[in-house]
């Protein structure tokens, strides 16, 4: 994945449906990018080279769910500038060059993930994790995968009701959340993420072409992206 592979994109990614007796047909949840407890991690491990890890805690998501139909959708994003590669300034800067191809201001580049549809087999009960699989579409600085295809996602959601979960552990957008506000923990994984399918790398970046061959054996092009998120309902009026 070169200095960091698309860890983006963070993905990101996930939805939720809750099986509470008072559940409404439609509900919305949000992941706060400033909370500090939402993590995006991408690992690119070359068999004979480096193991590179890119991380960000600036993951933002909006989730829309139909609790009656057990269906939903999600949109997530991770700013490129928030991604740290091996906690190293030089590697992080190289990755920004690879991701933008040196044609876009890194501050304007965002890794986005759209999950248009997920269907659960049954309702989500408090404190009981539920697994599901779906697909999501990435864009990196506005670029889609070379075949316009989607990435496969495996995820788990866990409903954390306020009476069983210390809300102080999950910072909310502001204080005074309503008494029975709901929190969902989401963990998701994308395996086999190929950065080159999004033109992330030296061969697409001016000034790096001469280094492509010498980097090839030690820098992996495929990796795994993991996200761990807390999505919360908005406060009551």
Protein backbone atom coordinates (compact mmCIF):
# COMPACT_ATOMS: atom_id res chain seq x y z
CA UNK A 1 0.00 0.00 0.00
CA UNK A 2 2.82 2.33 -0.20
CA UNK A 3 3.24 4.79 2.52
CA UNK A 4 -0.11 4.10 3.89
CA UNK A 5 -2.54 2.73 1.38
CA UNK A 6 -6.01 4.04 1.26
CA UNK A 7 -7.00 3.81 4.73
CA UNK A 8 -9.70 5.62 4.23
CA UNK A 9 -11.48 6.04 3.47
CA UNK A 10 -12.61 5.51 5.98
CA UNK A 11 -13.88 3.65 5.89
CA UNK A 12 -15.20 3.22 6.85
CA UNK A 13 -18.76 2.06 6.87
CA UNK A 14 -21.90 0.69 8.37
CA UNK A 15 -25.51 0.79 9.30
CA UNK A 16 -27.85 -0.22 12.01
CA UNK A 17 -31.33 -1.28 12.88
CA UNK A 18 -32.70 -1.55 16.40
CA UNK A 19 -35.32 -3.89 17.69
CA UNK A 20 -36.65 -1.78 20.53
CA UNK A 21 -40.36 -2.02 21.28
CA UNK A 22 -40.82 1.70 20.69
CA UNK A 23 -38.75 1.65 17.50
CA UNK A 24 -39.84 4.08 14.86
CA UNK A 25 -40.05 3.21 11.17
CA UNK A 26 -37.30 5.70 10.31
CA UNK A 27 -34.34 6.82 12.40
CA UNK A 28 -31.02 8.54 11.93
CA UNK A 29 -27.66 8.19 13.66
CA UNK A 30 -24.35 9.99 13.29
CA UNK A 31 -20.68 9.32 13.92
CA UNK A 32 -18.92 12.39 15.30
CA UNK A 33 -15.48 12.92 13.64
CA UNK A 34 -14.32 14.97 16.63
CA UNK A 35 -15.28 12.46 19.32
CA UNK A 36 -11.85 10.78 19.29
CA UNK A 37 -13.19 7.27 19.89
CA UNK A 38 -13.95 6.35 16.26
CA UNK A 39 -11.02 4.67 14.56
CA UNK A 40 -10.03 3.86 11.00
CA UNK A 41 -7.10 1.50 10.50
CA UNK A 42 -5.63 0.16 7.27
CA UNK A 43 -2.81 -2.38 7.15
CA UNK A 44 -0.80 -3.24 4.05
CA UNK A 45 1.60 -6.11 4.74
CA UNK A 46 4.07 -7.05 1.99
CA UNK A 47 5.22 -10.68 2.12
CA UNK A 48 8.89 -9.72 1.68
CA UNK A 49 8.71 -6.06 2.59
CA UNK A 50 7.16 -3.57 4.95
CA UNK A 51 4.08 -3.79 7.13
CA UNK A 52 2.48 -0.34 6.82
CA UNK A 53 -0.31 0.94 9.05
CA UNK A 54 -2.39 4.04 8.42
CA UNK A 55 -4.81 5.41 11.03
CA UNK A 56 -7.32 8.20 11.56
CA UNK A 57 -9.86 9.08 14.24
CA UNK A 58 -11.63 11.70 12.11
CA UNK A 59 -14.32 9.38 10.78
CA UNK A 60 -17.69 10.94 10.00
CA UNK A 61 -20.80 8.95 9.10
CA UNK A 62 -24.50 9.49 8.67
CA UNK A 63 -26.80 6.50 8.99
CA UNK A 64 -30.42 6.31 7.89
CA UNK A 65 -32.38 3.24 8.92
CA UNK A 66 -35.88 1.86 8.51
CA UNK A 67 -36.31 -0.10 11.71
CA UNK A 68 -39.60 -1.66 10.64
CA UNK A 69 -38.09 -3.13 7.48
CA UNK A 70 -34.66 -3.82 9.06
CA UNK A 71 -33.03 -1.90 6.21
CA UNK A 72 -30.68 1.05 6.03
CA UNK A 73 -27.93 2.94 4.27
CA UNK A 74 -24.80 4.85 5.27
CA UNK A 75 -22.36 7.46 4.06
CA UNK A 76 -18.90 7.81 5.63
CA UNK A 77 -15.81 9.92 5.04
CA UNK A 78 -12.24 10.37 6.23
CA UNK A 79 -10.17 13.47 5.33
CA UNK A 80 -6.85 12.55 3.74
CA UNK A 81 -5.06 15.13 5.89
CA UNK A 82 -6.18 13.26 9.05
CA UNK A 83 -4.51 9.97 8.07
CA UNK A 84 -1.17 9.15 9.72
CA UNK A 85 1.07 6.49 8.19
CA UNK A 86 3.21 4.59 10.72
CA UNK A 87 2.97 7.77 12.81
CA UNK A 88 5.70 9.20 10.58
CA UNK A 89 5.61 12.66 8.97
CA UNK A 90 7.58 11.65 5.86
CA UNK A 91 5.51 8.53 5.16
CA UNK A 92 2.29 10.45 5.76
CA UNK A 93 3.37 13.13 3.28
CA UNK A 94 4.35 10.51 0.68
CA UNK A 95 0.97 8.87 1.03
CA UNK A 96 -0.76 12.20 0.49
CA UNK A 97 1.20 12.64 -2.71
CA UNK A 98 0.25 9.13 -3.85
CA UNK A 99 -3.42 9.60 -3.01
CA UNK A 100 -3.74 12.98 -4.72
CA UNK A 101 -1.34 12.15 -7.57
CA UNK A 102 0.01 15.61 -6.71
CA UNK A 103 -2.87 17.17 -8.64
CA UNK A 104 -5.18 18.01 -5.71
CA UNK A 105 -4.62 19.91 -2.49
CA UNK A 106 -4.45 17.18 0.22
CA UNK A 107 -6.68 19.34 2.43
CA UNK A 108 -9.42 19.06 -0.18
CA UNK A 109 -9.11 15.29 -0.63
CA UNK A 110 -11.56 13.01 1.15
CA UNK A 111 -11.92 9.24 1.19
CA UNK A 112 -15.64 8.49 0.93
CA UNK A 113 -17.66 5.32 1.28
CA UNK A 114 -21.29 4.94 0.27
CA UNK A 115 -23.22 1.91 1.52
CA UNK A 116 -26.53 2.15 -0.35
CA UNK A 117 -28.36 -0.85 1.08
CA UNK A 118 -28.15 -3.33 3.94
CA UNK A 119 -30.74 -5.82 5.05
CA UNK A 120 -30.65 -7.61 8.41
CA UNK A 121 -32.17 -11.03 9.00
CA UNK A 122 -33.72 -9.95 12.30
CA UNK A 123 -33.94 -7.07 14.80
CA UNK A 124 -30.97 -5.92 16.87
CA UNK A 125 -31.51 -6.59 20.56
CA UNK A 126 -29.67 -4.74 23.34
CA UNK A 127 -26.13 -5.99 24.03
CA UNK A 128 -26.34 -8.76 21.41
CA UNK A 129 -23.98 -8.29 18.43
CA UNK A 130 -25.38 -9.01 14.98
CA UNK A 131 -23.23 -9.78 11.95
CA UNK A 132 -24.06 -8.83 8.38
CA UNK A 133 -22.44 -8.51 4.96
CA UNK A 134 -22.93 -5.82 2.34
CA UNK A 135 -21.09 -3.82 -0.32
CA UNK A 136 -19.93 -0.22 -0.48
CA UNK A 137 -18.52 2.11 -3.13
CA UNK A 138 -15.31 4.05 -2.44
CA UNK A 139 -14.10 7.28 -3.96
CA UNK A 140 -10.62 8.63 -3.30
CA UNK A 141 -10.18 12.32 -4.08
CA UNK A 142 -13.22 11.86 -6.31
CA UNK A 143 -11.81 8.78 -8.12
CA UNK A 144 -13.78 5.54 -8.22
CA UNK A 145 -12.39 2.03 -8.56
CA UNK A 146 -11.16 1.36 -12.09
CA UNK A 147 -14.12 -0.93 -12.86
CA UNK A 148 -16.64 1.26 -10.97
CA UNK A 149 -17.24 -1.75 -8.74
CA UNK A 150 -17.90 -2.06 -5.00
CA UNK A 151 -15.96 -3.44 -2.04
CA UNK A 152 -17.28 -6.29 0.07
CA UNK A 153 -17.87 -5.43 3.71
CA UNK A 154 -18.26 -7.69 6.74
CA UNK A 155 -19.59 -5.94 9.83
CA UNK A 156 -21.03 -6.31 13.31
CA UNK A 157 -23.39 -3.93 15.09
CA UNK A 158 -24.15 -3.80 18.79
CA UNK A 159 -26.96 -1.78 20.37
CA UNK A 160 -25.81 -0.07 23.59
CA UNK A 161 -28.89 1.22 25.46
CA UNK A 162 -28.27 4.18 27.74
CA UNK A 163 -29.25 2.34 30.91
CA UNK A 164 -26.57 -0.32 30.31
CA UNK A 165 -23.86 1.83 28.82
CA UNK A 166 -21.97 4.69 30.48
CA UNK A 167 -22.57 7.55 28.07
CA UNK A 168 -19.51 9.31 29.44
CA UNK A 169 -17.37 6.79 27.54
CA UNK A 170 -18.89 7.90 24.27
CA UNK A 171 -18.61 11.68 23.84
CA UNK A 172 -21.78 13.10 22.34
CA UNK A 173 -22.04 16.20 20.13
CA UNK A 174 -23.14 18.16 23.21
CA UNK A 175 -24.31 17.58 26.73
CA UNK A 176 -27.87 16.99 27.74
CA UNK A 177 -28.67 14.04 25.48
CA UNK A 178 -32.20 12.84 25.92
CA UNK A 179 -32.80 10.29 28.60
CA UNK A 180 -33.15 7.24 26.36
CA UNK A 181 -30.81 8.23 23.52
CA UNK A 182 -29.45 5.19 21.72
CA UNK A 183 -25.86 4.37 20.82
CA UNK A 184 -24.69 1.76 18.32
CA UNK A 185 -21.19 0.32 18.12
CA UNK A 186 -20.20 -0.62 14.59
CA UNK A 187 -17.19 -2.68 13.59
CA UNK A 188 -16.53 -3.34 9.92
CA UNK A 189 -13.80 -4.85 7.75
CA UNK A 190 -12.87 -4.66 4.09
CA UNK A 191 -10.33 -7.28 3.01
CA UNK A 192 -8.32 -7.30 -0.20
CA UNK A 193 -8.52 -3.54 -0.74
CA UNK A 194 -6.32 -2.85 -3.77
CA UNK A 195 -5.01 0.72 -3.73
CA UNK A 196 -3.87 0.54 -7.35
CA UNK A 197 -7.46 0.14 -8.52
CA UNK A 198 -7.96 3.69 -7.22
CA UNK A 199 -4.72 4.97 -8.80
CA UNK A 200 -3.06 5.42 -5.44
CA UNK A 201 0.65 4.95 -5.85
CA UNK A 202 3.92 6.14 -7.38
CA UNK A 203 3.16 5.22 -10.97
CA UNK A 204 0.38 7.83 -11.10
CA UNK A 205 2.33 10.48 -9.22
CA UNK A 206 4.76 12.84 -10.95
CA UNK A 207 8.32 12.54 -9.66
CA UNK A 208 7.80 8.98 -8.41
CA UNK A 209 7.89 7.06 -11.69
CA UNK A 210 11.58 6.19 -11.43
CA UNK A 211 11.02 4.59 -8.04
CA UNK A 212 8.17 2.26 -9.00
CA UNK A 213 10.24 -0.80 -9.81
CA UNK A 214 12.47 -0.60 -6.76
CA UNK A 215 9.44 -0.16 -4.51
CA UNK A 216 7.40 -2.98 -6.03
CA UNK A 217 8.87 -5.88 -4.00
CA UNK A 218 8.57 -4.18 -0.61
CA UNK A 219 5.33 -2.21 -0.77
CA UNK A 220 2.04 -4.13 -0.78
CA UNK A 221 -0.78 -3.04 -3.09
CA UNK A 222 -3.50 -4.95 -1.24
CA UNK A 223 -4.53 -4.50 2.36
CA UNK A 224 -7.23 -4.69 5.02
CA UNK A 225 -9.30 -1.78 6.32
CA UNK A 226 -10.97 -1.91 9.75
CA UNK A 227 -13.23 0.64 11.36
CA UNK A 228 -14.66 0.82 14.88
CA UNK A 229 -17.39 3.44 15.30
CA UNK A 230 -19.98 4.71 17.75
CA UNK A 231 -23.10 6.08 16.08
CA UNK A 232 -25.55 8.13 18.13
CA UNK A 233 -29.03 9.48 17.73
CA UNK A 234 -29.38 13.27 17.68
CA UNK A 235 -30.55 14.97 20.84
CA UNK A 236 -34.23 15.46 21.38
CA UNK A 237 -35.51 19.03 20.75
